[in-house]
Every structure is written in structure tokens, then in C-alpha cells.
């Protein structure tokens, strides 16, 4: 696996995940990968799961995080940790930006 140790993203490095939800891989190493998500007000990230542990931090905005059937009201400064294979999703109440780290590295997120 190729390993980046210095982040140098292009200004237009965002990929559309779903309508109103974009992500950009910021940096990755041997064991972790960091992404920035831009989430548009009124959009929903459907419930899903994957084998990766996922930790996140809400930089701006307001989301309702749904994790393992429970809801969490997340505002700027809020953070979370989602174990692998746990169902999760989100409702976006305001335009938001979240930073998330995945372990192990999500191969499908490597640019």
C-alpha cells in the first residue's frame, strides 16, 4: 500500500458521496486515514456499516448522529467513536463539516 505522510490536497479534491455529501481524503498512513466531509443541510447519510473503526469531530454545523439505534445531537466540538461493523448514519440539520479518521485504512478512500 502507498503511504502518504504529508497532506497536500488540491482545492477541488472533494468527491461526491451522495447528493449534498462530499468527502476529501486529507492524509493516510499505514494504520489510519483522515477525511473531511462537507454535509449539506437537509441531507441524510443513510444507515450503513463497515469493518473500519471511525472516529470523528464536528468542526461546524449541526447533525444528528445515529449509532447502533441511538441518536446523538452533535454540535461544533462534538466527537464520536464508532466501532467497526456498527450501523450508523446522520441527519444534517445545518451545513456541516466533519473530520473523520478510519482504521484500518479505507482502501476505497485512497485517492
Protein backbone atom coordinates (compact mmCIF):
# COMPACT_ATOMS: atom_id res chain seq x y z
CA UNK A 1 0.00 0.00 0.00
CA UNK A 2 1.21 3.50 -0.87
CA UNK A 3 1.64 5.71 2.21
CA UNK A 4 1.28 9.49 2.33
CA UNK A 5 2.84 11.17 5.32
CA UNK A 6 2.32 14.79 4.23
CA UNK A 7 -1.07 16.25 3.35
CA UNK A 8 -1.17 18.35 0.19
CA UNK A 9 -4.77 18.16 -1.08
CA UNK A 10 -5.85 20.06 -4.15
CA UNK A 11 -8.57 22.68 -3.56
CA UNK A 12 -11.04 20.66 -5.63
CA UNK A 13 -10.17 17.26 -4.17
CA UNK A 14 -13.73 16.57 -2.96
CA UNK A 15 -15.66 13.54 -4.19
CA UNK A 16 -19.45 13.37 -4.14
CA UNK A 17 -20.56 10.51 -1.89
CA UNK A 18 -24.29 11.23 -2.15
CA UNK A 19 -26.28 14.29 -3.16
CA UNK A 20 -25.17 17.01 -0.72
CA UNK A 21 -22.44 14.90 0.91
CA UNK A 22 -18.82 15.25 -0.21
CA UNK A 23 -15.55 13.88 1.13
CA UNK A 24 -11.88 14.59 0.65
CA UNK A 25 -9.09 12.33 1.86
CA UNK A 26 -6.66 14.57 3.73
CA UNK A 27 -3.88 12.12 4.60
CA UNK A 28 -3.31 8.44 5.29
CA UNK A 29 -0.62 6.24 6.73
CA UNK A 30 -0.13 2.58 7.47
CA UNK A 31 -2.98 2.25 10.01
CA UNK A 32 -5.25 5.31 9.68
CA UNK A 33 -6.87 7.52 7.07
CA UNK A 34 -8.25 11.04 7.71
CA UNK A 35 -11.08 12.60 5.70
CA UNK A 36 -13.03 15.83 5.66
CA UNK A 37 -16.76 15.61 4.98
CA UNK A 38 -18.92 18.51 3.78
CA UNK A 39 -22.56 17.87 4.61
CA UNK A 40 -25.41 19.96 3.20
CA UNK A 41 -28.37 20.99 5.36
CA UNK A 42 -31.41 18.75 4.89
CA UNK A 43 -29.45 15.75 3.60
CA UNK A 44 -29.24 12.30 5.18
CA UNK A 45 -26.37 9.86 5.36
CA UNK A 46 -28.24 6.54 5.23
CA UNK A 47 -27.70 3.89 7.89
CA UNK A 48 -24.74 1.71 6.90
CA UNK A 49 -21.86 -0.22 8.42
CA UNK A 50 -18.31 -1.21 7.54
CA UNK A 51 -15.48 -3.06 9.29
CA UNK A 52 -13.48 0.13 9.99
CA UNK A 53 -13.40 1.89 13.35
CA UNK A 54 -14.41 5.51 12.73
CA UNK A 55 -13.71 8.48 14.99
CA UNK A 56 -14.95 11.95 14.19
CA UNK A 57 -15.05 15.59 15.19
CA UNK A 58 -17.69 18.12 14.13
CA UNK A 59 -15.90 21.30 13.04
CA UNK A 60 -19.03 23.30 12.19
CA UNK A 61 -22.75 22.83 11.78
CA UNK A 62 -25.28 20.57 13.48
CA UNK A 63 -26.04 16.90 12.84
CA UNK A 64 -27.99 14.11 14.47
CA UNK A 65 -25.71 11.09 14.57
CA UNK A 66 -27.47 7.74 14.65
CA UNK A 67 -25.32 4.94 16.02
CA UNK A 68 -26.49 1.44 16.90
CA UNK A 69 -30.11 2.64 17.05
CA UNK A 70 -29.42 5.59 19.37
CA UNK A 71 -29.39 9.27 18.38
CA UNK A 72 -26.83 11.88 19.42
CA UNK A 73 -27.24 15.65 18.96
CA UNK A 74 -23.84 16.80 17.66
CA UNK A 75 -22.76 20.44 17.57
CA UNK A 76 -19.34 22.01 16.86
CA UNK A 77 -16.71 20.49 19.12
CA UNK A 78 -18.62 17.23 19.48
CA UNK A 79 -16.79 14.00 18.78
CA UNK A 80 -17.60 10.32 18.41
CA UNK A 81 -16.11 6.88 18.03
CA UNK A 82 -17.93 4.20 16.08
CA UNK A 83 -16.64 0.63 16.40
CA UNK A 84 -16.36 -1.44 13.24
CA UNK A 85 -19.50 -3.20 11.98
CA UNK A 86 -21.88 -0.95 13.97
CA UNK A 87 -24.78 0.54 11.99
CA UNK A 88 -24.63 4.34 11.81
CA UNK A 89 -25.83 7.31 9.76
CA UNK A 90 -26.65 11.00 10.16
CA UNK A 91 -29.28 13.66 9.58
CA UNK A 92 -27.78 17.03 8.62
CA UNK A 93 -29.60 19.92 10.35
CA UNK A 94 -27.19 22.69 9.21
CA UNK A 95 -24.43 22.89 6.62
CA UNK A 96 -21.66 21.00 8.42
CA UNK A 97 -18.02 19.98 8.24
CA UNK A 98 -16.73 16.86 9.98
CA UNK A 99 -13.26 15.37 10.20
CA UNK A 100 -13.13 11.59 10.49
CA UNK A 101 -10.37 9.04 10.95
CA UNK A 102 -10.74 5.43 9.83
CA UNK A 103 -8.75 2.42 11.00
CA UNK A 104 -7.65 0.31 9.31
CA UNK A 105 -7.13 2.45 6.22
CA UNK A 106 -10.16 2.51 3.90
CA UNK A 107 -8.64 1.41 0.62
CA UNK A 108 -11.72 2.79 -1.22
CA UNK A 109 -10.91 6.29 0.11
CA UNK A 110 -7.32 6.41 -1.15
CA UNK A 111 -7.16 8.94 -4.00
